[in-house]
Amino acid sequence: MLRWLSSSSPTAASSASSAVRPGMVKTLEKYQRCSYGATEAHRPLHETQSRYQEYLKVKARVELLQHSQRKLLGEDVGSLNTKELEQLEHQLEFSLNRIRSTKTQMMLDQLTDLHNKYSCCQTPIYIFFHRNKLCLKPTNR
């Protein structure tokens, strides 16, 4: 019908397409809802259950990590007993030692890099002064 109206006149085609279009949109939306709803309905039960189990595991892991984070930040420590506080203290000391070790290693690497740069800069100067028999010692004035 739309093809027939569009071939007869341009004004008839535009009025027909505006009249048909809302109905077509509704039909397509209804088709999509039914199609996707049918897909969800035919999903195997064991797949749905396994996804739900996976969700529960991830949710529990997130809650555990959030609880650990709060403890490490010093929150929620009022409910801990002495042994748990000592464990937390050891964990924090271990973490702090690792951080300090990493920082020290980075500083040593930077120092080595600076020393190498200094050596590279000094070598040509030393050779120049040595060949020309000039004094390398700084003069005190």
C-alpha atoms as a PDB file:
ATOM      1  CA  MET A   1       0.000   0.000   0.000  1.00  0.00           C
ATOM      2  CA  LEU A   2       2.859   2.376   0.815  1.00  0.00           C
ATOM      3  CA  ARG A   3       4.530   1.627  -2.508  1.00  0.00           C
ATOM      4  CA  TRP A   4       1.280   2.294  -4.386  1.00  0.00           C
ATOM      5  CA  LEU A   5       0.738   5.618  -2.589  1.00  0.00           C
ATOM      6  CA  SER A   6       4.300   6.757  -3.128  1.00  0.00           C
ATOM      7  CA  SER A   7       4.105   6.067  -6.867  1.00  0.00           C
ATOM      8  CA  SER A   8       0.827   7.948  -7.275  1.00  0.00           C
ATOM      9  CA  SER A   9       1.882  11.346  -5.863  1.00  0.00           C
ATOM     10  CA  PRO A  10       4.515  12.822  -3.569  1.00  0.00           C
ATOM     11  CA  THR A  11       1.984  14.414  -1.222  1.00  0.00           C
ATOM     12  CA  ALA A  12       0.065  11.188  -0.857  1.00  0.00           C
ATOM     13  CA  ALA A  13       3.287   9.351  -0.070  1.00  0.00           C
ATOM     14  CA  SER A  14       4.301  11.794   2.654  1.00  0.00           C
ATOM     15  CA  SER A  15       0.855  11.729   4.249  1.00  0.00           C
ATOM     16  CA  ALA A  16       0.722   7.944   3.998  1.00  0.00           C
ATOM     17  CA  SER A  17       4.192   7.505   5.476  1.00  0.00           C
ATOM     18  CA  SER A  18       3.342   9.787   8.390  1.00  0.00           C
ATOM     19  CA  ALA A  19       0.109   7.876   8.948  1.00  0.00           C
ATOM     20  CA  VAL A  20       1.712   4.445   8.699  1.00  0.00           C
ATOM     21  CA  ARG A  21       4.949   5.247  10.486  1.00  0.00           C
ATOM     22  CA  PRO A  22       3.642   5.408  14.107  1.00  0.00           C
ATOM     23  CA  GLY A  23       1.878   2.095  13.637  1.00  0.00           C
ATOM     24  CA  MET A  24       4.987   0.523  12.148  1.00  0.00           C
ATOM     25  CA  VAL A  25       7.112   1.821  14.998  1.00  0.00           C
ATOM     26  CA  LYS A  26       4.715   0.342  17.531  1.00  0.00           C
ATOM     27  CA  THR A  27       4.700  -2.959  15.676  1.00  0.00           C
ATOM     28  CA  LEU A  28       8.496  -3.068  15.519  1.00  0.00           C
ATOM     29  CA  GLU A  29       8.785  -2.217  19.214  1.00  0.00           C
ATOM     30  CA  LYS A  30       6.308  -4.957  20.061  1.00  0.00           C
ATOM     31  CA  TYR A  31       8.242  -7.397  17.864  1.00  0.00           C
ATOM     32  CA  GLN A  32      11.516  -6.516  19.601  1.00  0.00           C
ATOM     33  CA  ARG A  33       9.989  -6.940  23.045  1.00  0.00           C
ATOM     34  CA  CYS A  34       8.582 -10.318  22.103  1.00  0.00           C
ATOM     35  CA  SER A  35      11.777 -11.456  20.387  1.00  0.00           C
ATOM     36  CA  TYR A  36      14.099 -10.492  23.235  1.00  0.00           C
ATOM     37  CA  GLY A  37      11.642 -11.725  25.826  1.00  0.00           C
ATOM     38  CA  ALA A  38      11.505 -15.084  24.068  1.00  0.00           C
ATOM     39  CA  THR A  39      15.293 -15.270  24.090  1.00  0.00           C
ATOM     40  CA  GLU A  40      15.351 -14.696  27.839  1.00  0.00           C
ATOM     41  CA  ALA A  41      12.593 -17.249  28.385  1.00  0.00           C
ATOM     42  CA  HIS A  42      14.450 -19.927  26.415  1.00  0.00           C
ATOM     43  CA  ARG A  43      17.728 -19.418  28.257  1.00  0.00           C
ATOM     44  CA  PRO A  44      18.635 -22.684  29.984  1.00  0.00           C
ATOM     45  CA  LEU A  45      17.958 -22.780  33.693  1.00  0.00           C
ATOM     46  CA  HIS A  46      21.458 -24.040  34.532  1.00  0.00           C
ATOM     47  CA  GLU A  47      23.006 -21.094  32.650  1.00  0.00           C
ATOM     48  CA  THR A  48      20.887 -18.650  34.628  1.00  0.00           C
ATOM     49  CA  GLN A  49      21.779 -20.389  37.879  1.00  0.00           C
ATOM     50  CA  SER A  50      25.494 -20.445  37.084  1.00  0.00           C
ATOM     51  CA  ARG A  51      25.429 -16.743  36.264  1.00  0.00           C
ATOM     52  CA  TYR A  52      23.637 -16.050  39.534  1.00  0.00           C
ATOM     53  CA  GLN A  53      26.215 -18.116  41.450  1.00  0.00           C
ATOM     54  CA  GLU A  54      28.997 -16.185  39.729  1.00  0.00           C
ATOM     55  CA  TYR A  55      27.273 -12.933  40.686  1.00  0.00           C
ATOM     56  CA  LEU A  56      27.070 -14.040  44.333  1.00  0.00           C
ATOM     57  CA  LYS A  57      30.779 -14.934  44.367  1.00  0.00           C
ATOM     58  CA  VAL A  58      31.771 -11.587  42.875  1.00  0.00           C
ATOM     59  CA  LYS A  59      29.491  -9.743  45.289  1.00  0.00           C
ATOM     60  CA  ALA A  60      31.007 -11.559  48.281  1.00  0.00           C
ATOM     61  CA  ARG A  61      34.534 -10.825  47.009  1.00  0.00           C
ATOM     62  CA  VAL A  62      33.732  -7.116  46.620  1.00  0.00           C
ATOM     63  CA  GLU A  63      32.309  -6.965  50.139  1.00  0.00           C
ATOM     64  CA  LEU A  64      35.399  -8.708  51.536  1.00  0.00           C
ATOM     65  CA  LEU A  65      37.713  -6.297  49.712  1.00  0.00           C
ATOM     66  CA  GLN A  66      35.713  -3.300  50.929  1.00  0.00           C
ATOM     67  CA  HIS A  67      35.906  -4.604  54.506  1.00  0.00           C
ATOM     68  CA  SER A  68      39.672  -5.130  54.186  1.00  0.00           C
ATOM     69  CA  GLN A  69      40.085  -1.656  52.743  1.00  0.00           C
ATOM     70  CA  ARG A  70      38.171  -0.112  55.643  1.00  0.00           C
ATOM     71  CA  LYS A  71      40.400  -1.970  58.121  1.00  0.00           C
ATOM     72  CA  LEU A  72      43.572  -0.860  56.341  1.00  0.00           C
ATOM     73  CA  LEU A  73      42.341   2.730  56.408  1.00  0.00           C
ATOM     74  CA  GLY A  74      41.748   2.475  60.155  1.00  0.00           C
ATOM     75  CA  GLU A  75      37.969   2.344  59.913  1.00  0.00           C
ATOM     76  CA  ASP A  76      35.921  -0.396  61.596  1.00  0.00           C
ATOM     77  CA  VAL A  77      38.830  -1.416  63.858  1.00  0.00           C
ATOM     78  CA  GLY A  78      36.885  -0.877  67.071  1.00  0.00           C
ATOM     79  CA  SER A  79      35.281  -4.289  66.750  1.00  0.00           C
ATOM     80  CA  LEU A  80      38.615  -6.126  66.352  1.00  0.00           C
ATOM     81  CA  ASN A  81      40.129  -8.082  69.216  1.00  0.00           C
ATOM     82  CA  THR A  82      43.797  -7.895  70.243  1.00  0.00           C
ATOM     83  CA  LYS A  83      44.928 -10.753  68.006  1.00  0.00           C
ATOM     84  CA  GLU A  84      43.191  -9.275  64.960  1.00  0.00           C
ATOM     85  CA  LEU A  85      44.713  -5.862  65.696  1.00  0.00           C
ATOM     86  CA  GLU A  86      48.175  -7.441  65.914  1.00  0.00           C
ATOM     87  CA  GLN A  87      47.609  -9.203  62.588  1.00  0.00           C
ATOM     88  CA  LEU A  88      46.529  -5.918  61.039  1.00  0.00           C
ATOM     89  CA  GLU A  89      49.588  -4.197  62.496  1.00  0.00           C
ATOM     90  CA  HIS A  90      51.900  -6.875  61.033  1.00  0.00           C
ATOM     91  CA  GLN A  91      50.167  -6.613  57.683  1.00  0.00           C
ATOM     92  CA  LEU A  92      50.599  -2.834  57.686  1.00  0.00           C
ATOM     93  CA  GLU A  93      54.264  -3.146  58.719  1.00  0.00           C
ATOM     94  CA  PHE A  94      54.862  -5.671  55.941  1.00  0.00           C
ATOM     95  CA  SER A  95      53.188  -3.377  53.416  1.00  0.00           C
ATOM     96  CA  LEU A  96      55.150  -0.386  54.657  1.00  0.00           C
ATOM     97  CA  ASN A  97      58.424  -2.327  54.390  1.00  0.00           C
ATOM     98  CA  ARG A  98      57.597  -3.297  50.812  1.00  0.00           C
ATOM     99  CA  ILE A  99      56.799   0.326  49.985  1.00  0.00           C
ATOM    100  CA  ARG A 100      60.042   1.531  51.565  1.00  0.00           C
ATOM    101  CA  SER A 101      62.010  -1.164  49.761  1.00  0.00           C
ATOM    102  CA  THR A 102      60.476  -0.179  46.433  1.00  0.00           C
ATOM    103  CA  LYS A 103      61.171   3.490  47.143  1.00  0.00           C
ATOM    104  CA  THR A 104      64.791   2.737  48.091  1.00  0.00           C
ATOM    105  CA  GLN A 105      65.308   0.693  44.936  1.00  0.00           C
ATOM    106  CA  MET A 106      63.851   3.473  42.797  1.00  0.00           C
ATOM    107  CA  MET A 107      66.123   6.017  44.462  1.00  0.00           C
ATOM    108  CA  LEU A 108      69.171   3.776  43.935  1.00  0.00           C
ATOM    109  CA  ASP A 109      68.236   3.372  40.278  1.00  0.00           C
ATOM    110  CA  GLN A 110      67.932   7.144  39.932  1.00  0.00           C
ATOM    111  CA  LEU A 111      71.278   7.626  41.681  1.00  0.00           C
ATOM    112  CA  THR A 112      72.941   5.127  39.344  1.00  0.00           C
ATOM    113  CA  ASP A 113      71.399   6.868  36.364  1.00  0.00           C
ATOM    114  CA  LEU A 114      72.605  10.271  37.577  1.00  0.00           C
ATOM    115  CA  HIS A 115      76.075   8.870  38.259  1.00  0.00           C
ATOM    116  CA  ASN A 116      76.213   7.461  34.733  1.00  0.00           C
ATOM    117  CA  LYS A 117      75.123  10.787  33.278  1.00  0.00           C
ATOM    118  CA  TYR A 118      77.717  12.595  35.365  1.00  0.00           C
ATOM    119  CA  SER A 119      80.427  10.174  34.263  1.00  0.00           C
ATOM    120  CA  CYS A 120      79.497  10.629  30.631  1.00  0.00           C
ATOM    121  CA  CYS A 121      79.628  14.385  31.011  1.00  0.00           C
ATOM    122  CA  GLN A 122      82.943  14.354  32.877  1.00  0.00           C
ATOM    123  CA  THR A 123      84.847  11.981  30.622  1.00  0.00           C
ATOM    124  CA  PRO A 124      85.262  14.324  27.623  1.00  0.00           C
ATOM    125  CA  ILE A 125      86.252  17.185  29.921  1.00  0.00           C
ATOM    126  CA  TYR A 126      88.817  15.032  31.712  1.00  0.00           C
ATOM    127  CA  ILE A 127      90.303  13.912  28.409  1.00  0.00           C
ATOM    128  CA  PHE A 128      90.468  17.497  27.179  1.00  0.00           C
ATOM    129  CA  PHE A 129      92.188  18.746  30.340  1.00  0.00           C
ATOM    130  CA  HIS A 130      94.523  15.761  30.521  1.00  0.00           C
ATOM    131  CA  ARG A 131      95.655  16.110  26.891  1.00  0.00           C
ATOM    132  CA  ASN A 132      96.229  19.792  27.314  1.00  0.00           C
ATOM    133  CA  LYS A 133      97.919  19.253  30.692  1.00  0.00           C
ATOM    134  CA  LEU A 134      95.525  21.540  32.454  1.00  0.00           C
ATOM    135  CA  CYS A 135      94.629  21.341  36.119  1.00  0.00           C
ATOM    136  CA  LEU A 136      91.310  19.671  36.945  1.00  0.00           C
ATOM    137  CA  LYS A 137      91.288  20.732  40.572  1.00  0.00           C
ATOM    138  CA  PRO A 138      88.894  23.531  41.419  1.00  0.00           C
ATOM    139  CA  THR A 139      90.592  26.659  42.609  1.00  0.00           C
ATOM    140  CA  ASN A 140      89.617  28.182  45.933  1.00  0.00           C
ATOM    141  CA  ARG A 141      89.384  31.921  45.768  1.00  0.00           C
END
